[in-house]
Protein backbone atom coordinates (compact mmCIF):
# COMPACT_ATOMS: atom_id res chain seq x y z
CA MET A 1 -43.29 29.89 -42.21
CA THR A 2 -40.93 29.63 -45.19
CA MET A 3 -37.98 27.25 -45.13
CA ARG A 4 -35.61 30.23 -45.25
CA ARG A 5 -37.21 31.84 -42.20
CA LEU A 6 -37.19 28.48 -40.34
CA ARG A 7 -33.46 28.04 -41.00
CA GLY A 8 -32.88 31.59 -39.76
CA LEU A 9 -34.83 30.87 -36.59
CA ILE A 10 -32.83 27.68 -35.93
CA VAL A 11 -29.54 29.50 -36.45
CA GLY A 12 -30.71 32.29 -34.16
CA ILE A 13 -31.62 29.81 -31.40
CA ALA A 14 -28.26 28.08 -31.83
CA VAL A 15 -26.42 31.39 -31.48
CA LEU A 16 -28.46 32.17 -28.37
CA LEU A 17 -27.72 28.77 -26.85
CA LEU A 18 -24.00 29.16 -27.46
CA ALA A 19 -23.98 32.71 -26.10
CA THR A 20 -25.81 31.76 -22.90
CA GLY A 21 -23.99 28.48 -22.32
CA ALA A 22 -27.22 26.50 -22.51
CA TRP A 23 -25.80 24.37 -25.32
CA ALA A 24 -22.93 23.37 -23.03
CA VAL A 25 -25.44 22.43 -20.35
CA THR A 26 -27.29 20.25 -22.82
CA ASP A 27 -24.03 18.59 -23.81
CA LYS A 28 -23.08 18.16 -20.16
CA THR A 29 -26.45 16.58 -19.40
CA SER A 30 -25.93 14.14 -22.25
CA ILE A 31 -22.46 13.18 -20.99
CA ALA A 32 -23.68 12.90 -17.39
CA GLY A 33 -26.45 10.57 -18.54
CA LYS A 34 -23.86 8.50 -20.38
CA CYS A 35 -21.80 8.25 -17.16
CA MET A 36 -24.77 6.97 -15.19
CA THR A 37 -25.91 4.54 -17.88
CA CYS A 38 -22.46 3.00 -18.12
CA HIS A 39 -21.71 2.85 -14.39
CA LYS A 40 -25.12 1.42 -13.64
CA GLU A 41 -24.00 -1.57 -15.70
CA LYS A 42 -20.28 -1.77 -14.89
CA THR A 43 -20.18 -0.66 -11.24
CA PRO A 44 -23.75 -1.10 -10.01
CA ALA A 45 -22.98 -0.68 -6.29
CA LEU A 46 -21.24 2.64 -6.98
CA TYR A 47 -24.23 3.77 -9.01
CA GLN A 48 -26.71 2.72 -6.32
CA GLN A 49 -24.71 4.56 -3.64
CA TRP A 50 -24.86 7.74 -5.70
CA LEU A 51 -28.54 7.23 -6.55
CA GLY A 52 -29.48 7.18 -2.87
CA SER A 53 -27.33 10.18 -1.98
CA GLN A 54 -28.16 13.82 -1.44
CA HIS A 55 -26.01 14.53 -4.49
CA ALA A 56 -28.43 12.63 -6.69
CA ALA A 57 -31.40 14.27 -5.00
CA HIS A 58 -29.96 17.67 -5.93
CA ASP A 59 -28.93 16.70 -9.49
CA VAL A 60 -25.20 16.62 -8.72
CA THR A 61 -23.84 14.15 -11.24
CA CYS A 62 -20.56 12.31 -11.81
CA LEU A 63 -19.34 15.08 -14.07
CA ASP A 64 -19.98 17.82 -11.51
CA CYS A 65 -17.41 16.25 -9.19
CA HIS A 66 -14.99 14.61 -11.60
CA LYS A 67 -14.79 17.27 -14.32
CA ALA A 68 -11.28 18.62 -14.94
CA ASN A 69 -9.66 21.49 -16.76
CA ARG A 70 -7.02 21.18 -19.44
CA GLY A 71 -3.54 21.34 -18.01
CA GLU A 72 -4.38 19.62 -14.73
CA PRO A 73 -1.81 16.84 -14.13
CA ASP A 74 -4.43 14.12 -13.63
CA ALA A 75 -6.90 15.23 -16.31
CA TYR A 76 -7.66 12.83 -19.16
CA MET A 77 -10.32 12.27 -21.82
CA HIS A 78 -12.85 9.60 -20.92
CA GLU A 79 -15.85 8.83 -23.11
CA GLY A 80 -15.98 12.36 -24.47
CA ALA A 81 -15.39 14.21 -21.20
CA LEU A 82 -12.23 15.62 -19.64
CA ILE A 83 -12.21 14.19 -16.12
CA ALA A 84 -9.95 13.43 -13.16
CA THR A 85 -10.17 10.26 -11.08
CA LEU A 86 -9.32 12.08 -7.87
CA VAL A 87 -11.92 14.38 -6.32
CA THR A 88 -10.12 16.70 -3.93
CA PRO A 89 -11.20 19.24 -1.28
CA LYS A 90 -10.65 21.91 -3.93
CA ASP A 91 -13.25 20.19 -6.11
CA CYS A 92 -15.68 19.75 -3.22
CA GLY A 93 -15.09 23.39 -2.29
CA ARG A 94 -16.83 24.54 -5.46
CA CYS A 95 -20.08 23.81 -3.62
CA HIS A 96 -18.96 23.29 -0.02
CA GLU A 97 -16.77 26.37 0.30
CA ARG A 98 -16.92 26.83 4.08
CA GLU A 99 -16.37 23.16 4.81
CA ALA A 100 -13.36 22.98 2.47
CA LYS A 101 -11.82 26.05 4.08
CA GLU A 102 -12.25 24.61 7.58
CA VAL A 103 -10.73 21.29 6.55
CA GLY A 104 -7.81 23.10 4.94
CA GLN A 105 -6.91 24.85 8.20
CA SER A 106 -7.43 21.80 10.41
CA TYR A 107 -4.99 19.30 11.88
CA HIS A 108 -6.53 16.67 9.64
CA ALA A 109 -5.23 18.51 6.56
CA THR A 110 -1.66 18.48 7.93
CA ALA A 111 -1.66 14.76 8.73
CA GLY A 112 0.35 14.11 5.56
CA LYS A 113 3.34 15.69 7.29
CA ILE A 114 3.94 12.26 8.78
CA LEU A 115 5.83 11.48 5.57
CA ASP A 116 8.76 13.38 7.13
CA SER A 117 8.22 12.22 10.73
CA LYS A 118 9.88 9.66 13.00
CA ASP A 119 6.83 7.44 12.58
CA ALA A 120 7.31 7.17 8.82
CA TYR A 121 11.09 6.84 9.19
CA LEU A 122 10.60 3.87 11.51
CA ALA A 123 8.12 2.21 9.16
CA HIS A 124 10.55 2.51 6.25
CA VAL A 125 13.74 1.35 7.98
CA ALA A 126 12.40 -1.24 10.43
CA GLY A 127 9.62 -2.45 8.17
CA GLY A 128 9.91 -1.44 4.53
CA ASP A 129 8.26 0.72 1.88
CA PRO A 130 5.18 -1.47 1.22
CA VAL A 131 4.12 -1.35 4.88
CA ALA A 132 4.60 2.42 4.99
CA VAL A 133 2.34 2.73 1.93
CA GLN A 134 -0.31 0.30 3.21
CA GLY A 135 -0.01 1.33 6.85
CA CYS A 136 0.98 4.89 7.71
CA GLU A 137 -0.09 6.53 4.46
CA GLN A 138 -3.56 4.96 4.36
CA CYS A 139 -4.55 6.95 7.45
CA HIS A 140 -2.31 10.00 7.30
CA GLY A 141 -2.35 10.39 3.53
CA THR A 142 0.24 10.14 0.80
CA LYS A 143 1.53 12.40 -1.93
CA VAL A 144 -0.55 11.29 -4.91
CA LYS A 145 1.65 11.00 -7.99
CA ILE A 146 1.07 10.59 -11.71
CA ASP A 147 2.18 7.32 -13.31
CA PRO A 148 5.14 8.15 -15.61
CA LYS A 149 4.24 5.19 -17.83
CA ALA A 150 0.60 6.24 -18.14
CA PRO A 151 0.42 10.04 -18.45
CA ASN A 152 -2.41 11.71 -16.53
CA LYS A 153 -3.27 8.48 -14.72
CA LEU A 154 -2.64 8.08 -10.99
CA SER A 155 0.30 5.97 -9.89
CA LYS A 156 -0.77 2.61 -8.49
CA LYS A 157 1.67 3.08 -5.63
CA SER A 158 -0.13 6.20 -4.40
CA TRP A 159 -3.69 5.32 -5.44
CA PRO A 160 -6.04 4.24 -3.95
CA ASN A 161 -5.53 6.45 -0.91
CA SER A 162 -8.08 8.29 1.21
CA GLY A 163 -5.72 9.39 3.97
CA ILE A 164 -7.04 12.39 5.86
CA GLY A 165 -3.99 14.54 5.04
CA ARG A 166 -3.50 13.37 1.45
CA ILE A 167 -1.38 15.68 -0.70
CA ASN A 168 -3.27 16.03 -3.97
CA PRO A 169 -1.93 16.85 -7.46
CA ASP A 170 -3.87 20.15 -7.48
CA GLY A 171 -2.04 21.30 -4.33
CA SER A 172 -4.95 20.81 -1.95
CA LEU A 173 -4.57 18.87 1.28
CA GLY A 174 -6.94 16.24 2.61
CA SER A 175 -9.63 13.85 1.50
CA CYS A 176 -13.32 14.46 2.15
CA THR A 177 -14.06 10.79 1.42
CA THR A 178 -12.14 9.72 4.51
CA CYS A 179 -15.22 10.58 6.55
CA HIS A 180 -17.91 10.91 3.87
CA THR A 181 -17.34 7.62 2.10
CA ARG A 182 -17.93 7.73 -1.65
CA HIS A 183 -20.32 7.67 -3.37
CA ALA A 184 -23.10 8.01 -0.83
CA PHE A 185 -21.37 10.82 1.13
CA SER A 186 -23.69 10.12 4.02
CA LYS A 187 -23.99 12.56 6.95
CA ALA A 188 -25.30 9.73 9.10
CA GLN A 189 -22.20 7.66 8.46
CA ALA A 190 -19.85 10.55 9.26
CA ARG A 191 -21.67 11.19 12.53
CA GLN A 192 -20.99 7.68 13.84
CA PRO A 193 -17.81 6.72 15.76
CA GLU A 194 -17.00 4.04 13.20
CA ALA A 195 -16.22 6.80 10.69
CA CYS A 196 -13.26 7.84 12.85
CA SER A 197 -12.13 4.42 14.03
CA LYS A 198 -10.28 3.42 10.87
CA CYS A 199 -7.42 5.61 12.09
CA HIS A 200 -8.10 6.56 15.71
CA LEU A 201 -7.42 3.19 17.34
CA GLY A 202 -4.58 0.89 18.34
CA PRO A 203 -1.63 1.02 20.74
CA ASP A 204 -0.63 4.65 20.19
CA HIS A 205 -3.98 6.47 19.90
CA PRO A 206 -6.83 4.19 21.05
CA GLN A 207 -9.67 6.69 20.91
CA LYS A 208 -11.99 3.99 19.51
CA GLU A 209 -11.28 1.61 22.36
CA VAL A 210 -11.42 4.36 25.00
CA TYR A 211 -14.78 5.57 23.65
CA GLU A 212 -16.21 2.06 23.65
CA GLU A 213 -15.32 1.50 27.32
CA SER A 214 -16.59 4.91 28.40
CA LYS A 215 -20.13 5.71 29.52
CA HIS A 216 -20.49 7.75 26.33
CA GLY A 217 -19.75 4.74 24.14
CA ASN A 218 -21.91 2.44 26.23
CA ALA A 219 -24.84 4.82 25.89
CA TYR A 220 -24.34 5.19 22.14
CA TYR A 221 -24.25 1.47 21.35
CA THR A 222 -27.23 0.85 23.64
CA HIS A 223 -29.34 3.63 22.12
CA LYS A 224 -28.00 3.90 18.57
CA ASP A 225 -31.52 3.68 17.11
CA GLU A 226 -32.47 6.83 19.04
CA MET A 227 -29.64 8.98 17.68
CA ASN A 228 -31.59 10.51 14.77
CA LEU A 229 -28.44 10.22 12.64
CA ASP A 230 -30.19 11.16 9.38
CA ALA A 231 -31.44 14.52 10.64
CA PRO A 232 -30.67 17.45 8.30
CA LYS A 233 -29.53 19.47 11.33
CA TRP A 234 -27.96 17.45 14.12
CA VAL A 235 -27.79 19.47 17.33
CA ALA A 236 -26.97 17.84 20.67
CA GLY A 237 -29.83 18.20 23.12
CA ILE A 238 -32.29 19.10 20.37
CA SER A 239 -32.01 16.57 17.53
CA TYR A 240 -30.85 13.77 19.86
CA ASN A 241 -30.03 13.20 23.52
CA ALA A 242 -29.11 9.53 23.96
CA ALA A 243 -25.31 9.87 23.72
CA PRO A 244 -22.46 11.81 22.12
CA THR A 245 -20.26 10.50 19.32
CA CYS A 246 -16.84 11.69 18.13
CA ALA A 247 -18.60 14.12 15.80
CA THR A 248 -20.78 15.46 18.62
CA CYS A 249 -17.82 16.61 20.68
CA HIS A 250 -15.39 17.64 17.97
CA MET A 251 -17.46 18.84 15.01
CA SER A 252 -21.24 18.95 15.30
CA ALA A 253 -23.47 21.88 16.14
CA THR A 254 -24.65 22.95 19.57
CA LYS A 255 -27.19 25.61 20.53
CA LYS A 256 -24.36 28.17 20.40
CA GLN A 257 -21.86 26.74 17.90
CA LYS A 258 -22.17 25.94 14.23
CA VAL A 259 -20.98 22.64 12.82
CA THR A 260 -17.25 22.80 12.04
CA HIS A 261 -14.87 20.72 9.94
CA ASP A 262 -11.87 22.05 11.87
CA VAL A 263 -11.51 19.26 14.42
CA GLY A 264 -9.07 21.21 16.60
CA GLN A 265 -11.40 24.05 17.56
CA ARG A 266 -12.48 22.29 20.76
CA ILE A 267 -9.18 20.68 21.84
CA ALA A 268 -7.10 22.56 24.44
CA TRP A 269 -4.15 20.14 24.84
CA THR A 270 -2.00 18.48 22.22
CA LEU A 271 -1.58 14.95 23.55
CA ARG A 272 0.54 13.65 20.68
CA PRO A 273 4.16 14.70 21.51
CA PRO A 274 6.43 13.40 24.30
CA VAL A 275 5.39 16.31 26.53
CA SER A 276 1.82 17.58 26.28
CA LYS A 277 1.41 21.29 25.63
CA TYR A 278 -1.50 23.68 25.50
CA LYS A 279 -2.58 24.64 22.01
CA PRO A 280 -2.71 28.29 20.93
CA ASN A 281 -5.88 29.97 22.21
CA HIS A 282 -6.44 26.98 24.49
CA ALA A 283 -8.84 28.81 26.81
CA GLN A 284 -11.28 29.44 23.96
CA ARG A 285 -10.88 25.89 22.70
CA ARG A 286 -11.69 24.54 26.16
CA ALA A 287 -14.73 26.86 26.37
CA ASN A 288 -15.90 25.47 23.02
CA MET A 289 -15.69 21.90 24.35
CA LYS A 290 -17.42 22.78 27.61
CA ASP A 291 -20.26 24.24 25.57
CA VAL A 292 -20.75 20.79 24.01
CA CYS A 293 -20.71 19.14 27.44
CA LYS A 294 -23.44 21.53 28.65
CA SER A 295 -25.90 19.83 26.33
CA CYS A 296 -26.02 16.93 28.80
CA HIS A 297 -24.08 17.84 31.95
CA GLU A 298 -24.31 20.51 34.63
CA LYS A 299 -21.48 22.95 35.35
CA ARG A 300 -19.96 21.25 38.42
CA PHE A 301 -19.75 17.92 36.60
CA ILE A 302 -17.98 19.54 33.64
CA GLU A 303 -15.53 21.51 35.77
CA GLY A 304 -14.72 18.40 37.79
CA HIS A 305 -13.93 16.32 34.71
CA PHE A 306 -11.52 18.85 33.25
CA HIS A 307 -9.95 19.43 36.68
CA GLN A 308 -9.13 15.70 36.88
CA PHE A 309 -8.11 15.42 33.23
CA ASP A 310 -5.71 18.38 33.35
CA ALA A 311 -4.11 17.04 36.52
CA THR A 312 -3.50 13.65 34.87
CA VAL A 313 -1.84 15.28 31.88
CA ARG A 314 0.38 17.34 34.18
CA LEU A 315 1.20 14.21 36.19
CA TYR A 316 2.39 12.45 33.06
CA ASN A 317 4.39 15.52 32.00
CA GLU A 318 6.11 16.22 35.31
CA LYS A 319 6.64 12.74 36.72
CA PHE A 320 7.64 10.82 33.60
CA ALA A 321 7.78 12.75 30.32
CA LYS A 322 10.10 15.60 31.27
CA PRO A 323 12.60 13.46 33.27
CA ALA A 324 12.68 10.82 30.51
CA GLY A 325 13.29 13.47 27.87
CA GLU A 326 16.03 15.08 29.93
CA LEU A 327 17.78 11.74 30.43
CA MET A 328 17.58 10.86 26.73
CA ALA A 329 19.03 14.26 25.80
CA MET A 330 21.93 13.65 28.20
CA ILE A 331 22.64 10.21 26.76
CA LYS A 332 22.59 11.54 23.18
CA LYS A 333 24.78 14.54 24.01
CA LYS A 334 27.39 12.30 25.66
CA GLY A 335 27.38 9.93 22.65
CA LEU A 336 26.73 6.84 24.77
CA MET A 337 24.54 4.93 22.32
CA LYS A 338 26.35 2.22 20.36
CA HIS A 339 24.62 2.56 16.99
CA LYS A 340 24.27 5.76 14.96
CA ALA A 341 20.89 5.41 13.26
CA ALA A 342 17.72 6.48 15.07
CA PHE A 343 15.92 3.45 16.57
CA SER A 344 19.01 1.26 16.30
CA ASN A 345 19.45 1.19 20.09
CA LYS A 346 17.20 -0.55 22.62
CA ILE A 347 16.76 2.50 24.84
CA GLU A 348 15.31 4.46 21.92
CA TRP A 349 12.56 1.86 21.50
CA ILE A 350 11.79 1.87 25.23
CA TYR A 351 11.61 5.65 25.30
CA TRP A 352 9.48 5.73 22.14
CA GLU A 353 6.87 3.36 23.54
CA LEU A 354 6.96 5.17 26.87
CA TRP A 355 5.53 8.37 25.36
CA HIS A 356 4.27 7.38 21.91
CA HIS A 357 2.25 4.37 23.06
CA GLU A 358 1.76 4.13 26.83
CA GLY A 359 1.86 7.85 27.55
CA ARG A 360 -0.65 8.64 24.85
CA ARG A 361 -2.97 5.89 26.05
CA ALA A 362 -2.96 7.37 29.55
CA ARG A 363 -3.65 10.88 28.30
CA HIS A 364 -6.38 9.89 25.86
CA GLY A 365 -7.99 7.67 28.47
CA ALA A 366 -8.17 10.61 30.87
CA ALA A 367 -9.51 12.93 28.17
CA MET A 368 -12.37 10.62 27.19
CA MET A 369 -13.29 9.12 30.58
CA GLY A 370 -11.78 5.69 29.93
CA PRO A 371 -10.47 4.51 33.34
CA ASP A 372 -8.88 1.27 32.13
CA TYR A 373 -6.83 3.12 29.50
CA THR A 374 -5.97 5.89 31.93
CA TRP A 375 -4.43 3.41 34.36
CA TRP A 376 -3.87 -0.23 33.32
CA HIS A 377 -3.18 0.36 29.63
CA GLY A 378 -1.71 3.79 30.34
CA MET A 379 0.02 5.12 33.43
CA TYR A 380 0.59 1.63 34.88
CA GLU A 381 2.70 0.69 31.86
CA VAL A 382 4.39 4.11 31.81
CA ALA A 383 5.50 3.58 35.41
CA GLN A 384 6.52 -0.06 34.95
CA HIS A 385 8.66 0.64 31.91
CA PHE A 386 10.09 3.90 33.26
CA TYR A 387 11.33 2.29 36.49
CA PHE A 388 12.18 -1.23 35.33
CA GLU A 389 13.19 -0.86 31.67
CA PHE A 390 14.09 2.73 30.79
CA LEU A 391 16.18 3.69 33.84
CA PRO A 392 17.98 0.29 34.04
CA GLU A 393 18.84 0.49 30.33
CA ALA A 394 20.31 3.96 30.90
CA GLU A 395 22.35 2.63 33.84
CA GLU A 396 23.81 -0.05 31.57
CA TYR A 397 25.97 2.61 29.89
CA GLY A 398 27.93 2.88 33.15
CA ASP A 399 28.32 6.63 32.85
CA PRO A 400 28.89 8.29 36.29
CA GLU A 401 26.95 11.45 35.40
CA VAL A 402 23.97 9.50 34.09
CA ASN A 403 23.90 7.21 37.11
CA ALA A 404 24.20 10.15 39.51
CA TRP A 405 21.27 11.86 37.76
CA ILE A 406 19.13 8.71 38.16
CA GLU A 407 20.09 8.30 41.82
CA LYS A 408 19.16 11.90 42.58
CA LEU A 409 15.79 11.53 40.84
CA LEU A 410 14.88 8.38 42.78
CA SER A 411 16.09 9.60 46.16
CA GLU A 412 15.23 13.31 46.23
CA ASN A 413 12.15 13.75 44.01
CA PRO A 414 9.02 13.21 46.19
CA MET A 415 7.17 11.66 43.24
CA HIS A 416 9.87 9.00 42.79
CA ASN A 417 11.40 8.32 46.21
CA TRP A 418 9.03 5.47 47.10
CA LEU A 419 11.05 2.52 45.77
CA ASP A 420 13.34 1.97 48.78
CA ARG A 421 10.87 2.83 51.53
CA PRO A 422 8.86 0.34 53.64
CA THR A 423 5.43 -0.52 52.23
CA ASP A 424 3.66 0.08 55.56
CA GLU A 425 5.14 3.57 55.74
CA LEU A 426 3.89 4.36 52.25
CA LYS A 427 0.40 3.01 53.00
CA LYS A 428 0.24 5.17 56.11
CA GLU A 429 1.04 8.25 54.02
CA ILE A 430 -1.69 7.31 51.53
CA ARG A 431 -4.28 6.85 54.31
CA SER A 432 -3.31 10.11 56.01
CA GLY A 433 -3.40 12.07 52.76
CA LYS A 434 0.25 13.09 53.03
CA MET A 435 1.22 11.38 49.77
CA GLN A 436 -1.67 13.00 47.92
CA LYS A 437 -0.32 16.43 48.89
CA THR A 438 2.77 15.67 46.77
CA TYR A 439 0.54 15.88 43.72
CA GLU A 440 -1.69 18.74 44.86
CA LYS A 441 0.12 21.29 42.68
CA LEU A 442 -0.85 19.33 39.57
CA TYR A 443 -4.48 20.31 40.16
CA GLN A 444 -3.73 24.02 40.32
CA GLY A 445 -3.25 24.69 36.61
CA ASP A 446 -0.98 27.17 34.91
């Protein structure tokens, strides 16, 4: 072959490579290799996490996740590649389209709305901005901003953040790495209760603690080695049978349901607000959850649990939540509180903890079969603070209408008229079943 013909062949191959994009792939491969070579030296643990991941096994490299397009607010040149530090659900959705869509329509994705909530307000005024950033926003998510002094770089005030409802610069909501910790992105890790317990714990939503005291949690920690957590498909009753985890009940596959990243698809009640309400399409949501239960329990057991749980939620609503809310509305309407700002009056703090802490504990305890949280950490404290802190604080205003309302509640409402009656008389009613009939309607449903 003459030199002229060889040059022509090389040019022809080059044109073909450019036309087909193969040249770009070669260049990408070179850059990806450079990423791995450098990070293997500078951040060896990060590299090892990736190396042992399914991403590495399927040739998904640093550049596949971190690549950016020109014009993106957080895109910058790094060692010859245009990248973004933040990998968002939109980025993950290039490969995991269904999962990204489900996350985007879930309650997790809207968790960043806390930035405009009473919770965040309280953290800012009673605490201060640093605690709101390090506390609330680390679970719920923050609005990730660009540093004005370092264009295209993330602001140190909003990064790092892996809050579940993070508001990303590309407009997407959420953070996949909240559950699938980078850079291993392990399914096994996300299937364990510890993946959820960074956020779902503490005085106002102690799902971690409730789970650990329940028979479910006891079985899991006793038989963790039998859970087959690394299985490609993880179906309750087929892939494992020792115990359920958070993922089992709220996300993972059953014989009839596919795995879902919309964590609300199996939750019938919303237990977060002062008064619990059924979610839209609650009957289907409850059916979805019962389907999970059927992997281990028979029908009568399942029906009995939800019968008891629903009654406890209604008890909280009717006996404490609705009367407390009505009384607070009356006090606010009459302008009785001394200070103007929200949470600047003692009764506001009592009321807040009544529903936001104690009331939630009772409801979550009942939902997850945690008896100690249902009663001692829950309804016991609701009752104690309702009768001996909340109502007395309201009476301190000395308003005739308020005091008359309280007197009527305690004397005429059969759920509250026990305080001034003889103990022996009340015990007799308990033994005879008469007192239980007061609450019978709570078991009847809507």
